[in-house]
PDB file of N, CA and C in Angstrom:
ATOM      1  N   UNK A   1     -31.668  -6.043  22.119  1.00  0.00           N
ATOM      2  CA  UNK A   1     -30.407  -6.440  22.711  1.00  0.00           C
ATOM      3  C   UNK A   1     -29.778  -5.242  23.388  1.00  0.00           C
ATOM      4  N   UNK A   2     -29.280  -5.445  24.573  1.00  0.00           N
ATOM      5  CA  UNK A   2     -28.662  -4.385  25.354  1.00  0.00           C
ATOM      6  C   UNK A   2     -27.231  -4.143  24.902  1.00  0.00           C
ATOM      7  N   UNK A   3     -26.810  -2.858  24.931  1.00  0.00           N
ATOM      8  CA  UNK A   3     -25.425  -2.531  24.606  1.00  0.00           C
ATOM      9  C   UNK A   3     -24.512  -3.143  25.665  1.00  0.00           C
ATOM     10  N   UNK A   4     -23.418  -3.681  25.217  1.00  0.00           N
ATOM     11  CA  UNK A   4     -22.486  -4.329  26.136  1.00  0.00           C
ATOM     12  C   UNK A   4     -21.419  -3.329  26.550  1.00  0.00           C
ATOM     13  N   UNK A   5     -21.182  -3.238  27.837  1.00  0.00           N
ATOM     14  CA  UNK A   5     -20.126  -2.334  28.301  1.00  0.00           C
ATOM     15  C   UNK A   5     -18.957  -3.174  28.798  1.00  0.00           C
ATOM     16  N   UNK A   6     -17.761  -2.696  28.467  1.00  0.00           N
ATOM     17  CA  UNK A   6     -16.554  -3.385  28.898  1.00  0.00           C
ATOM     18  C   UNK A   6     -16.094  -2.815  30.228  1.00  0.00           C
ATOM     19  N   UNK A   7     -15.529  -3.660  31.017  1.00  0.00           N
ATOM     20  CA  UNK A   7     -14.888  -3.232  32.251  1.00  0.00           C
ATOM     21  C   UNK A   7     -13.736  -2.306  31.852  1.00  0.00           C
ATOM     22  N   UNK A   8     -13.558  -1.131  32.499  1.00  0.00           N
ATOM     23  CA  UNK A   8     -12.482  -0.214  32.139  1.00  0.00           C
ATOM     24  C   UNK A   8     -11.111  -0.892  32.147  1.00  0.00           C
ATOM     25  N   UNK A   9     -10.930  -1.872  33.008  1.00  0.00           N
ATOM     26  CA  UNK A   9      -9.656  -2.581  33.050  1.00  0.00           C
ATOM     27  C   UNK A   9      -9.452  -3.352  31.742  1.00  0.00           C
ATOM     28  N   UNK A  10     -10.510  -3.960  31.221  1.00  0.00           N
ATOM     29  CA  UNK A  10     -10.425  -4.706  29.972  1.00  0.00           C
ATOM     30  C   UNK A  10     -10.088  -3.810  28.787  1.00  0.00           C
ATOM     31  N   UNK A  11     -10.563  -2.595  28.796  1.00  0.00           N
ATOM     32  CA  UNK A  11     -10.453  -1.723  27.639  1.00  0.00           C
ATOM     33  C   UNK A  11      -9.016  -1.452  27.231  1.00  0.00           C
ATOM     34  N   UNK A  12      -8.101  -1.375  28.143  1.00  0.00           N
ATOM     35  CA  UNK A  12      -6.724  -1.039  27.811  1.00  0.00           C
ATOM     36  C   UNK A  12      -6.120  -2.013  26.804  1.00  0.00           C
ATOM     37  N   UNK A  13      -6.165  -3.286  27.083  1.00  0.00           N
ATOM     38  CA  UNK A  13      -5.595  -4.286  26.181  1.00  0.00           C
ATOM     39  C   UNK A  13      -6.381  -4.341  24.880  1.00  0.00           C
ATOM     40  N   UNK A  14      -7.684  -4.260  24.967  1.00  0.00           N
ATOM     41  CA  UNK A  14      -8.508  -4.301  23.770  1.00  0.00           C
ATOM     42  C   UNK A  14      -8.239  -3.085  22.881  1.00  0.00           C
ATOM     43  N   UNK A  15      -8.054  -1.938  23.498  1.00  0.00           N
ATOM     44  CA  UNK A  15      -7.774  -0.718  22.738  1.00  0.00           C
ATOM     45  C   UNK A  15      -6.408  -0.809  22.055  1.00  0.00           C
ATOM     46  N   UNK A  16      -5.409  -1.273  22.778  1.00  0.00           N
ATOM     47  CA  UNK A  16      -4.071  -1.432  22.193  1.00  0.00           C
ATOM     48  C   UNK A  16      -4.137  -2.395  21.012  1.00  0.00           C
ATOM     49  N   UNK A  17      -4.822  -3.508  21.181  1.00  0.00           N
ATOM     50  CA  UNK A  17      -4.926  -4.509  20.128  1.00  0.00           C
ATOM     51  C   UNK A  17      -5.667  -3.958  18.914  1.00  0.00           C
ATOM     52  N   UNK A  18      -6.742  -3.219  19.146  1.00  0.00           N
ATOM     53  CA  UNK A  18      -7.506  -2.642  18.041  1.00  0.00           C
ATOM     54  C   UNK A  18      -6.653  -1.648  17.256  1.00  0.00           C
ATOM     55  N   UNK A  19      -5.936  -0.786  17.957  1.00  0.00           N
ATOM     56  CA  UNK A  19      -5.074   0.193  17.290  1.00  0.00           C
ATOM     57  C   UNK A  19      -3.938  -0.502  16.537  1.00  0.00           C
ATOM     58  N   UNK A  20      -3.366  -1.530  17.144  1.00  0.00           N
ATOM     59  CA  UNK A  20      -2.289  -2.276  16.486  1.00  0.00           C
ATOM     60  C   UNK A  20      -2.812  -2.964  15.231  1.00  0.00           C
ATOM     61  N   UNK A  21      -4.006  -3.506  15.314  1.00  0.00           N
ATOM     62  CA  UNK A  21      -4.602  -4.170  14.153  1.00  0.00           C
ATOM     63  C   UNK A  21      -4.827  -3.170  13.011  1.00  0.00           C
ATOM     64  N   UNK A  22      -5.322  -1.997  13.324  1.00  0.00           N
ATOM     65  CA  UNK A  22      -5.543  -0.964  12.306  1.00  0.00           C
ATOM     66  C   UNK A  22      -4.218  -0.539  11.667  1.00  0.00           C
ATOM     67  N   UNK A  23      -3.174  -0.394  12.485  1.00  0.00           N
ATOM     68  CA  UNK A  23      -1.863  -0.023  11.942  1.00  0.00           C
ATOM     69  C   UNK A  23      -1.301  -1.162  11.091  1.00  0.00           C
ATOM     70  N   UNK A  24      -1.530  -2.401  11.506  1.00  0.00           N
ATOM     71  CA  UNK A  24      -1.084  -3.556  10.742  1.00  0.00           C
ATOM     72  C   UNK A  24      -1.751  -3.583   9.370  1.00  0.00           C
ATOM     73  N   UNK A  25      -3.044  -3.323   9.329  1.00  0.00           N
ATOM     74  CA  UNK A  25      -3.779  -3.288   8.051  1.00  0.00           C
ATOM     75  C   UNK A  25      -3.159  -2.229   7.141  1.00  0.00           C
ATOM     76  N   UNK A  26      -2.875  -1.063   7.692  1.00  0.00           N
ATOM     77  CA  UNK A  26      -2.243  -0.001   6.899  1.00  0.00           C
ATOM     78  C   UNK A  26      -0.843  -0.414   6.450  1.00  0.00           C
ATOM     79  N   UNK A  27      -0.113  -1.118   7.313  1.00  0.00           N
ATOM     80  CA  UNK A  27       1.262  -1.541   7.025  1.00  0.00           C
ATOM     81  C   UNK A  27       1.312  -2.507   5.853  1.00  0.00           C
ATOM     82  N   UNK A  28       0.312  -3.364   5.715  1.00  0.00           N
ATOM     83  CA  UNK A  28       0.304  -4.357   4.638  1.00  0.00           C
ATOM     84  C   UNK A  28      -0.523  -3.929   3.432  1.00  0.00           C
ATOM     85  N   UNK A  29      -1.360  -2.926   3.584  1.00  0.00           N
ATOM     86  CA  UNK A  29      -2.310  -2.561   2.528  1.00  0.00           C
ATOM     87  C   UNK A  29      -1.621  -2.217   1.207  1.00  0.00           C
ATOM     88  N   UNK A  30      -0.654  -1.332   1.226  1.00  0.00           N
ATOM     89  CA  UNK A  30      -0.008  -0.888  -0.007  1.00  0.00           C
ATOM     90  C   UNK A  30       0.907  -1.956  -0.599  1.00  0.00           C
ATOM     91  N   UNK A  31       1.446  -2.810   0.249  1.00  0.00           N
ATOM     92  CA  UNK A  31       2.456  -3.777  -0.195  1.00  0.00           C
ATOM     93  C   UNK A  31       1.875  -5.141  -0.535  1.00  0.00           C
ATOM     94  N   UNK A  32       0.634  -5.372  -0.184  1.00  0.00           N
ATOM     95  CA  UNK A  32       0.028  -6.672  -0.448  1.00  0.00           C
ATOM     96  C   UNK A  32       0.388  -7.673   0.639  1.00  0.00           C
ATOM     97  N   UNK A  33       0.019  -8.931   0.427  1.00  0.00           N
ATOM     98  CA  UNK A  33       0.269  -9.955   1.443  1.00  0.00           C
ATOM     99  C   UNK A  33       1.769 -10.167   1.674  1.00  0.00           C
ATOM    100  N   UNK A  34       2.132 -10.368   2.917  1.00  0.00           N
ATOM    101  CA  UNK A  34       3.533 -10.582   3.297  1.00  0.00           C
ATOM    102  C   UNK A  34       4.126 -11.751   2.513  1.00  0.00           C
ATOM    103  N   UNK A  35       3.327 -12.752   2.229  1.00  0.00           N
ATOM    104  CA  UNK A  35       3.824 -13.930   1.507  1.00  0.00           C
ATOM    105  C   UNK A  35       4.329 -13.594   0.105  1.00  0.00           C
ATOM    106  N   UNK A  36       3.941 -12.462  -0.449  1.00  0.00           N
ATOM    107  CA  UNK A  36       4.394 -12.037  -1.788  1.00  0.00           C
ATOM    108  C   UNK A  36       5.588 -11.083  -1.745  1.00  0.00           C
ATOM    109  N   UNK A  37       5.994 -10.668  -0.567  1.00  0.00           N
ATOM    110  CA  UNK A  37       6.996  -9.604  -0.466  1.00  0.00           C
ATOM    111  C   UNK A  37       8.361  -9.991  -1.012  1.00  0.00           C
ATOM    112  N   UNK A  38       8.802 -11.221  -0.815  1.00  0.00           N
ATOM    113  CA  UNK A  38      10.143 -11.586  -1.257  1.00  0.00           C
ATOM    114  C   UNK A  38      10.290 -11.341  -2.756  1.00  0.00           C
ATOM    115  N   UNK A  39       9.356 -11.835  -3.522  1.00  0.00           N
ATOM    116  CA  UNK A  39       9.392 -11.653  -4.979  1.00  0.00           C
ATOM    117  C   UNK A  39       9.303 -10.169  -5.322  1.00  0.00           C
ATOM    118  N   UNK A  40       8.402  -9.460  -4.686  1.00  0.00           N
ATOM    119  CA  UNK A  40       8.204  -8.037  -4.955  1.00  0.00           C
ATOM    120  C   UNK A  40       9.461  -7.236  -4.638  1.00  0.00           C
ATOM    121  N   UNK A  41      10.051  -7.494  -3.481  1.00  0.00           N
ATOM    122  CA  UNK A  41      11.244  -6.743  -3.068  1.00  0.00           C
ATOM    123  C   UNK A  41      12.385  -6.972  -4.047  1.00  0.00           C
ATOM    124  N   UNK A  42      12.652  -8.231  -4.379  1.00  0.00           N
ATOM    125  CA  UNK A  42      13.746  -8.544  -5.302  1.00  0.00           C
ATOM    126  C   UNK A  42      13.504  -7.869  -6.656  1.00  0.00           C
ATOM    127  N   UNK A  43      12.287  -7.948  -7.169  1.00  0.00           N
ATOM    128  CA  UNK A  43      11.975  -7.305  -8.452  1.00  0.00           C
ATOM    129  C   UNK A  43      12.172  -5.791  -8.373  1.00  0.00           C
ATOM    130  N   UNK A  44      11.700  -5.182  -7.288  1.00  0.00           N
ATOM    131  CA  UNK A  44      11.851  -3.732  -7.137  1.00  0.00           C
ATOM    132  C   UNK A  44      13.318  -3.331  -7.004  1.00  0.00           C
ATOM    133  N   UNK A  45      14.100  -4.113  -6.264  1.00  0.00           N
ATOM    134  CA  UNK A  45      15.523  -3.804  -6.105  1.00  0.00           C
ATOM    135  C   UNK A  45      16.269  -3.957  -7.431  1.00  0.00           C
ATOM    136  N   UNK A  46      15.943  -4.999  -8.180  1.00  0.00           N
ATOM    137  CA  UNK A  46      16.583  -5.206  -9.484  1.00  0.00           C
ATOM    138  C   UNK A  46      16.243  -4.059 -10.441  1.00  0.00           C
ATOM    139  N   UNK A  47      14.973  -3.700 -10.469  1.00  0.00           N
ATOM    140  CA  UNK A  47      14.546  -2.589 -11.317  1.00  0.00           C
ATOM    141  C   UNK A  47      15.203  -1.282 -10.875  1.00  0.00           C
ATOM    142  N   UNK A  48      15.269  -1.081  -9.575  1.00  0.00           N
ATOM    143  CA  UNK A  48      15.915   0.116  -9.037  1.00  0.00           C
ATOM    144  C   UNK A  48      17.383   0.192  -9.403  1.00  0.00           C
ATOM    145  N   UNK A  49      18.042  -0.963  -9.405  1.00  0.00           N
ATOM    146  CA  UNK A  49      19.453  -0.998  -9.769  1.00  0.00           C
ATOM    147  C   UNK A  49      19.635  -0.629 -11.242  1.00  0.00           C
ATOM    148  N   UNK A  50      18.763  -1.153 -12.094  1.00  0.00           N
ATOM    149  CA  UNK A  50      18.829  -0.830 -13.520  1.00  0.00           C
ATOM    150  C   UNK A  50      18.561   0.648 -13.784  1.00  0.00           C
ATOM    151  N   UNK A  51      17.662   1.240 -13.000  1.00  0.00           N
ATOM    152  CA  UNK A  51      17.255   2.629 -13.234  1.00  0.00           C
ATOM    153  C   UNK A  51      18.006   3.635 -12.358  1.00  0.00           C
ATOM    154  N   UNK A  52      18.972   3.140 -11.579  1.00  0.00           N
ATOM    155  CA  UNK A  52      19.733   4.037 -10.712  1.00  0.00           C
ATOM    156  C   UNK A  52      18.952   4.539  -9.504  1.00  0.00           C
ATOM    157  N   UNK A  53      17.921   3.801  -9.117  1.00  0.00           N
ATOM    158  CA  UNK A  53      17.085   4.195  -7.978  1.00  0.00           C
ATOM    159  C   UNK A  53      17.182   3.202  -6.820  1.00  0.00           C
ATOM    160  N   UNK A  54      18.207   2.345  -6.864  1.00  0.00           N
ATOM    161  CA  UNK A  54      18.344   1.312  -5.837  1.00  0.00           C
ATOM    162  C   UNK A  54      18.348   1.892  -4.421  1.00  0.00           C
ATOM    163  N   UNK A  55      19.156   2.941  -4.131  1.00  0.00           N
ATOM    164  CA  UNK A  55      19.197   3.434  -2.744  1.00  0.00           C
ATOM    165  C   UNK A  55      17.824   3.871  -2.221  1.00  0.00           C
ATOM    166  N   UNK A  56      17.039   4.514  -3.064  1.00  0.00           N
ATOM    167  CA  UNK A  56      15.713   4.975  -2.632  1.00  0.00           C
ATOM    168  C   UNK A  56      14.775   3.800  -2.355  1.00  0.00           C
ATOM    169  N   UNK A  57      14.827   2.797  -3.218  1.00  0.00           N
ATOM    170  CA  UNK A  57      13.941   1.637  -3.046  1.00  0.00           C
ATOM    171  C   UNK A  57      14.347   0.839  -1.807  1.00  0.00           C
ATOM    172  N   UNK A  58      15.648   0.620  -1.636  1.00  0.00           N
ATOM    173  CA  UNK A  58      16.114  -0.105  -0.448  1.00  0.00           C
ATOM    174  C   UNK A  58      15.748   0.660   0.824  1.00  0.00           C
ATOM    175  N   UNK A  59      15.912   1.979   0.802  1.00  0.00           N
ATOM    176  CA  UNK A  59      15.573   2.795   1.976  1.00  0.00           C
ATOM    177  C   UNK A  59      14.072   2.740   2.260  1.00  0.00           C
ATOM    178  N   UNK A  60      13.255   2.758   1.217  1.00  0.00           N
ATOM    179  CA  UNK A  60      11.806   2.693   1.388  1.00  0.00           C
ATOM    180  C   UNK A  60      11.403   1.393   2.085  1.00  0.00           C
ATOM    181  N   UNK A  61      11.987   0.270   1.649  1.00  0.00           N
ATOM    182  CA  UNK A  61      11.683  -1.010   2.296  1.00  0.00           C
ATOM    183  C   UNK A  61      12.259  -1.057   3.712  1.00  0.00           C
ATOM    184  N   UNK A  62      13.436  -0.471   3.904  1.00  0.00           N
ATOM    185  CA  UNK A  62      14.040  -0.440   5.239  1.00  0.00           C
ATOM    186  C   UNK A  62      13.154   0.353   6.202  1.00  0.00           C
ATOM    187  N   UNK A  63      12.639   1.470   5.741  1.00  0.00           N
ATOM    188  CA  UNK A  63      11.712   2.265   6.566  1.00  0.00           C
ATOM    189  C   UNK A  63      10.473   1.438   6.880  1.00  0.00           C
ATOM    190  N   UNK A  64       9.996   0.689   5.910  1.00  0.00           N
ATOM    191  CA  UNK A  64       8.816  -0.161   6.125  1.00  0.00           C
ATOM    192  C   UNK A  64       9.099  -1.190   7.220  1.00  0.00           C
ATOM    193  N   UNK A  65      10.301  -1.759   7.219  1.00  0.00           N
ATOM    194  CA  UNK A  65      10.683  -2.718   8.271  1.00  0.00           C
ATOM    195  C   UNK A  65      10.734  -2.019   9.628  1.00  0.00           C
ATOM    196  N   UNK A  66      11.271  -0.798   9.666  1.00  0.00           N
ATOM    197  CA  UNK A  66      11.336  -0.067  10.940  1.00  0.00           C
ATOM    198  C   UNK A  66       9.941   0.250  11.481  1.00  0.00           C
ATOM    199  N   UNK A  67       9.015   0.561  10.592  1.00  0.00           N
ATOM    200  CA  UNK A  67       7.622   0.792  11.018  1.00  0.00           C
ATOM    201  C   UNK A  67       7.054  -0.497  11.613  1.00  0.00           C
ATOM    202  N   UNK A  68       7.343  -1.629  10.978  1.00  0.00           N
ATOM    203  CA  UNK A  68       6.894  -2.917  11.512  1.00  0.00           C
ATOM    204  C   UNK A  68       7.475  -3.195  12.883  1.00  0.00           C
ATOM    205  N   UNK A  69       8.745  -2.851  13.079  1.00  0.00           N
ATOM    206  CA  UNK A  69       9.373  -3.041  14.396  1.00  0.00           C
ATOM    207  C   UNK A  69       8.722  -2.152  15.447  1.00  0.00           C
ATOM    208  N   UNK A  70       8.383  -0.931  15.069  1.00  0.00           N
ATOM    209  CA  UNK A  70       7.698  -0.031  16.012  1.00  0.00           C
ATOM    210  C   UNK A  70       6.328  -0.590  16.373  1.00  0.00           C
ATOM    211  N   UNK A  71       5.653  -1.154  15.404  1.00  0.00           N
ATOM    212  CA  UNK A  71       4.353  -1.769  15.659  1.00  0.00           C
ATOM    213  C   UNK A  71       4.490  -2.969  16.592  1.00  0.00           C
ATOM    214  N   UNK A  72       5.561  -3.733  16.442  1.00  0.00           N
ATOM    215  CA  UNK A  72       5.800  -4.861  17.354  1.00  0.00           C
ATOM    216  C   UNK A  72       6.024  -4.356  18.775  1.00  0.00           C
ATOM    217  N   UNK A  73       6.713  -3.232  18.920  1.00  0.00           N
ATOM    218  CA  UNK A  73       6.906  -2.653  20.259  1.00  0.00           C
ATOM    219  C   UNK A  73       5.560  -2.260  20.856  1.00  0.00           C
ATOM    220  N   UNK A  74       4.677  -1.721  20.018  1.00  0.00           N
ATOM    221  CA  UNK A  74       3.335  -1.388  20.501  1.00  0.00           C
ATOM    222  C   UNK A  74       2.619  -2.640  21.003  1.00  0.00           C
ATOM    223  N   UNK A  75       2.758  -3.732  20.275  1.00  0.00           N
ATOM    224  CA  UNK A  75       2.131  -4.981  20.721  1.00  0.00           C
ATOM    225  C   UNK A  75       2.747  -5.487  22.021  1.00  0.00           C
ATOM    226  N   UNK A  76       4.050  -5.235  22.197  1.00  0.00           N
ATOM    227  CA  UNK A  76       4.701  -5.627  23.449  1.00  0.00           C
ATOM    228  C   UNK A  76       4.073  -4.919  24.647  1.00  0.00           C
ATOM    229  N   UNK A  77       3.514  -3.731  24.402  1.00  0.00           N
ATOM    230  CA  UNK A  77       2.905  -2.988  25.514  1.00  0.00           C
ATOM    231  C   UNK A  77       1.681  -3.706  26.067  1.00  0.00           C
ATOM    232  N   UNK A  78       1.180  -4.701  25.347  1.00  0.00           N
ATOM    233  CA  UNK A  78       0.072  -5.498  25.893  1.00  0.00           C
ATOM    234  C   UNK A  78       0.477  -6.176  27.199  1.00  0.00           C
ATOM    235  N   UNK A  79       1.767  -6.497  27.312  1.00  0.00           N
ATOM    236  CA  UNK A  79       2.212  -7.193  28.519  1.00  0.00           C
ATOM    237  C   UNK A  79       2.099  -6.325  29.762  1.00  0.00           C
ATOM    238  N   UNK A  80       2.099  -5.021  29.582  1.00  0.00           N
ATOM    239  CA  UNK A  80       1.956  -4.147  30.747  1.00  0.00           C
ATOM    240  C   UNK A  80       0.566  -3.523  30.827  1.00  0.00           C
ATOM    241  N   UNK A  81      -0.295  -3.863  29.877  1.00  0.00           N
ATOM    242  CA  UNK A  81      -1.658  -3.326  29.878  1.00  0.00           C
ATOM    243  C   UNK A  81      -2.545  -4.166  30.789  1.00  0.00           C
ATOM    244  N   UNK A  82      -3.671  -3.610  31.088  1.00  0.00           N
ATOM    245  CA  UNK A  82      -4.661  -4.365  31.841  1.00  0.00           C
ATOM    246  C   UNK A  82      -5.317  -5.345  30.883  1.00  0.00           C
ATOM    247  N   UNK A  83      -5.172  -6.617  31.176  1.00  0.00           N
ATOM    248  CA  UNK A  83      -5.753  -7.655  30.329  1.00  0.00           C
ATOM    249  C   UNK A  83      -7.184  -7.939  30.764  1.00  0.00           C
ATOM    250  N   UNK A  84      -7.984  -8.455  29.855  1.00  0.00           N
ATOM    251  CA  UNK A  84      -9.367  -8.784  30.207  1.00  0.00           C
ATOM    252  C   UNK A  84      -9.403  -9.776  31.370  1.00  0.00           C
ATOM    253  N   UNK A  85     -10.373  -9.580  32.227  1.00  0.00           N
ATOM    254  CA  UNK A  85     -10.512 -10.478  33.364  1.00  0.00           C
ATOM    255  C   UNK A  85     -11.235 -11.767  32.963  1.00  0.00           C
ATOM    256  N   UNK A  86     -11.999 -11.703  31.903  1.00  0.00           N
ATOM    257  CA  UNK A  86     -12.697 -12.866  31.391  1.00  0.00           C
ATOM    258  C   UNK A  86     -11.687 -13.737  30.653  1.00  0.00           C
ATOM    259  N   UNK A  87     -11.637 -15.005  31.024  1.00  0.00           N
ATOM    260  CA  UNK A  87     -10.637 -15.926  30.465  1.00  0.00           C
ATOM    261  C   UNK A  87     -10.742 -16.048  28.947  1.00  0.00           C
ATOM    262  N   UNK A  88     -11.951 -16.133  28.420  1.00  0.00           N
ATOM    263  CA  UNK A  88     -12.111 -16.267  26.966  1.00  0.00           C
ATOM    264  C   UNK A  88     -11.666 -14.999  26.240  1.00  0.00           C
ATOM    265  N   UNK A  89     -12.004 -13.833  26.772  1.00  0.00           N
ATOM    266  CA  UNK A  89     -11.561 -12.577  26.152  1.00  0.00           C
ATOM    267  C   UNK A  89     -10.042 -12.493  26.173  1.00  0.00           C
ATOM    268  N   UNK A  90      -9.435 -12.923  27.267  1.00  0.00           N
ATOM    269  CA  UNK A  90      -7.987 -12.868  27.363  1.00  0.00           C
ATOM    270  C   UNK A  90      -7.354 -13.794  26.326  1.00  0.00           C
ATOM    271  N   UNK A  91      -7.896 -14.970  26.147  1.00  0.00           N
ATOM    272  CA  UNK A  91      -7.380 -15.892  25.117  1.00  0.00           C
ATOM    273  C   UNK A  91      -7.486 -15.262  23.729  1.00  0.00           C
ATOM    274  N   UNK A  92      -8.602 -14.599  23.442  1.00  0.00           N
ATOM    275  CA  UNK A  92      -8.790 -13.950  22.144  1.00  0.00           C
ATOM    276  C   UNK A  92      -7.764 -12.842  21.926  1.00  0.00           C
ATOM    277  N   UNK A  93      -7.531 -12.024  22.949  1.00  0.00           N
ATOM    278  CA  UNK A  93      -6.554 -10.946  22.845  1.00  0.00           C
ATOM    279  C   UNK A  93      -5.169 -11.517  22.575  1.00  0.00           C
ATOM    280  N   UNK A  94      -4.780 -12.518  23.340  1.00  0.00           N
ATOM    281  CA  UNK A  94      -3.453 -13.108  23.179  1.00  0.00           C
ATOM    282  C   UNK A  94      -3.299 -13.817  21.834  1.00  0.00           C
ATOM    283  N   UNK A  95      -4.331 -14.520  21.406  1.00  0.00           N
ATOM    284  CA  UNK A  95      -4.297 -15.212  20.119  1.00  0.00           C
ATOM    285  C   UNK A  95      -4.129 -14.209  18.973  1.00  0.00           C
ATOM    286  N   UNK A  96      -4.892 -13.137  19.021  1.00  0.00           N
ATOM    287  CA  UNK A  96      -4.819 -12.119  17.970  1.00  0.00           C
ATOM    288  C   UNK A  96      -3.458 -11.413  17.995  1.00  0.00           C
ATOM    289  N   UNK A  97      -2.971 -11.091  19.181  1.00  0.00           N
ATOM    290  CA  UNK A  97      -1.665 -10.434  19.307  1.00  0.00           C
ATOM    291  C   UNK A  97      -0.558 -11.342  18.768  1.00  0.00           C
ATOM    292  N   UNK A  98      -0.635 -12.629  19.051  1.00  0.00           N
ATOM    293  CA  UNK A  98       0.371 -13.574  18.561  1.00  0.00           C
ATOM    294  C   UNK A  98       0.345 -13.641  17.041  1.00  0.00           C
ATOM    295  N   UNK A  99      -0.835 -13.688  16.459  1.00  0.00           N
ATOM    296  CA  UNK A  99      -0.960 -13.744  14.998  1.00  0.00           C
ATOM    297  C   UNK A  99      -0.371 -12.484  14.362  1.00  0.00           C
ATOM    298  N   UNK A 100      -0.694 -11.324  14.900  1.00  0.00           N
ATOM    299  CA  UNK A 100      -0.143 -10.074  14.372  1.00  0.00           C
ATOM    300  C   UNK A 100       1.377 -10.054  14.490  1.00  0.00           C
ATOM    301  N   UNK A 101       1.885 -10.443  15.657  1.00  0.00           N
ATOM    302  CA  UNK A 101       3.330 -10.440  15.883  1.00  0.00           C
ATOM    303  C   UNK A 101       4.042 -11.396  14.933  1.00  0.00           C
ATOM    304  N   UNK A 102       3.487 -12.566  14.731  1.00  0.00           N
ATOM    305  CA  UNK A 102       4.100 -13.548  13.825  1.00  0.00           C
ATOM    306  C   UNK A 102       4.175 -13.018  12.400  1.00  0.00           C
ATOM    307  N   UNK A 103       3.105 -12.411  11.934  1.00  0.00           N
ATOM    308  CA  UNK A 103       3.088 -11.883  10.575  1.00  0.00           C
ATOM    309  C   UNK A 103       4.017 -10.686  10.440  1.00  0.00           C
ATOM    310  N   UNK A 104       4.037  -9.825  11.450  1.00  0.00           N
ATOM    311  CA  UNK A 104       4.961  -8.693  11.432  1.00  0.00           C
ATOM    312  C   UNK A 104       6.404  -9.172  11.370  1.00  0.00           C
ATOM    313  N   UNK A 105       6.744 -10.141  12.206  1.00  0.00           N
ATOM    314  CA  UNK A 105       8.115 -10.646  12.235  1.00  0.00           C
ATOM    315  C   UNK A 105       8.481 -11.280  10.899  1.00  0.00           C
ATOM    316  N   UNK A 106       7.560 -12.007  10.301  1.00  0.00           N
ATOM    317  CA  UNK A 106       7.829 -12.610   8.990  1.00  0.00           C
ATOM    318  C   UNK A 106       8.104 -11.527   7.957  1.00  0.00           C
ATOM    319  N   UNK A 107       7.290 -10.489   7.935  1.00  0.00           N
ATOM    320  CA  UNK A 107       7.486  -9.404   6.982  1.00  0.00           C
ATOM    321  C   UNK A 107       8.803  -8.679   7.177  1.00  0.00           C
ATOM    322  N   UNK A 108       9.133  -8.380   8.414  1.00  0.00           N
ATOM    323  CA  UNK A 108      10.392  -7.692   8.726  1.00  0.00           C
ATOM    324  C   UNK A 108      11.574  -8.561   8.299  1.00  0.00           C
ATOM    325  N   UNK A 109      11.515  -9.848   8.598  1.00  0.00           N
ATOM    326  CA  UNK A 109      12.600 -10.766   8.234  1.00  0.00           C
ATOM    327  C   UNK A 109      12.781 -10.855   6.722  1.00  0.00           C
ATOM    328  N   UNK A 110      11.680 -10.911   5.993  1.00  0.00           N
ATOM    329  CA  UNK A 110      11.752 -10.971   4.535  1.00  0.00           C
ATOM    330  C   UNK A 110      12.418  -9.711   3.989  1.00  0.00           C
ATOM    331  N   UNK A 111      11.997  -8.557   4.468  1.00  0.00           N
ATOM    332  CA  UNK A 111      12.576  -7.294   3.997  1.00  0.00           C
ATOM    333  C   UNK A 111      14.077  -7.273   4.258  1.00  0.00           C
ATOM    334  N   UNK A 112      14.463  -7.549   5.501  1.00  0.00           N
ATOM    335  CA  UNK A 112      15.874  -7.472   5.864  1.00  0.00           C
ATOM    336  C   UNK A 112      16.713  -8.505   5.110  1.00  0.00           C
ATOM    337  N   UNK A 113      16.200  -9.711   4.948  1.00  0.00           N
ATOM    338  CA  UNK A 113      16.942 -10.754   4.240  1.00  0.00           C
ATOM    339  C   UNK A 113      17.097 -10.412   2.758  1.00  0.00           C
ATOM    340  N   UNK A 114      16.043  -9.921   2.141  1.00  0.00           N
ATOM    341  CA  UNK A 114      16.114  -9.564   0.720  1.00  0.00           C
ATOM    342  C   UNK A 114      17.118  -8.442   0.481  1.00  0.00           C
ATOM    343  N   UNK A 115      17.071  -7.413   1.288  1.00  0.00           N
ATOM    344  CA  UNK A 115      18.012  -6.299   1.122  1.00  0.00           C
ATOM    345  C   UNK A 115      19.440  -6.783   1.351  1.00  0.00           C
ATOM    346  N   UNK A 116      19.647  -7.572   2.402  1.00  0.00           N
ATOM    347  CA  UNK A 116      20.991  -8.075   2.701  1.00  0.00           C
ATOM    348  C   UNK A 116      21.530  -8.934   1.559  1.00  0.00           C
ATOM    349  N   UNK A 117      20.739  -9.905   1.111  1.00  0.00           N
ATOM    350  CA  UNK A 117      21.217 -10.797   0.062  1.00  0.00           C
ATOM    351  C   UNK A 117      21.444 -10.047  -1.245  1.00  0.00           C
ATOM    352  N   UNK A 118      20.600  -9.080  -1.538  1.00  0.00           N
ATOM    353  CA  UNK A 118      20.775  -8.297  -2.761  1.00  0.00           C
ATOM    354  C   UNK A 118      22.067  -7.489  -2.697  1.00  0.00           C
ATOM    355  N   UNK A 119      22.315  -6.869  -1.541  1.00  0.00           N
ATOM    356  CA  UNK A 119      23.529  -6.064  -1.377  1.00  0.00           C
ATOM    357  C   UNK A 119      24.790  -6.921  -1.385  1.00  0.00           C
ATOM    358  N   UNK A 120      24.682  -8.163  -0.941  1.00  0.00           N
ATOM    359  CA  UNK A 120      25.832  -9.065  -0.925  1.00  0.00           C
ATOM    360  C   UNK A 120      26.040  -9.760  -2.267  1.00  0.00           C
ATOM    361  N   UNK A 121      25.082  -9.597  -3.169  1.00  0.00           N
ATOM    362  CA  UNK A 121      25.192 -10.223  -4.477  1.00  0.00           C
ATOM    363  C   UNK A 121      24.959 -11.711  -4.465  1.00  0.00           C
ATOM    364  N   UNK A 122      24.202 -12.147  -3.476  1.00  0.00           N
ATOM    365  CA  UNK A 122      23.940 -13.584  -3.322  1.00  0.00           C
ATOM    366  C   UNK A 122      22.784 -13.985  -4.234  1.00  0.00           C
TER     367      UNK A 122
END
């Protein structure tokens, strides 16, 4: 089988997506699946409050949300990148970018909502 070479124009979007995917894996690796974050955050904040470490724990999660927002900005750069000229490759890039963005937004929303509700005593 012959090695496949990508058109240099295609590489830009594919490279951005690959790097974003790697950063996304790192973003979720330590914290586990986004679907578990609400329970985890509330438990950590409650424990932090009992142990006098609430500000550090809240700040740690807030920083995590900011990293997610920066990663979303990186994904936004796909709109100005050279997209694949092949229709199927372009669909794959967009589908993958949408999935990453959706999961990032869900994680960021969970973090921000948990911190807000905890601070408001809700």
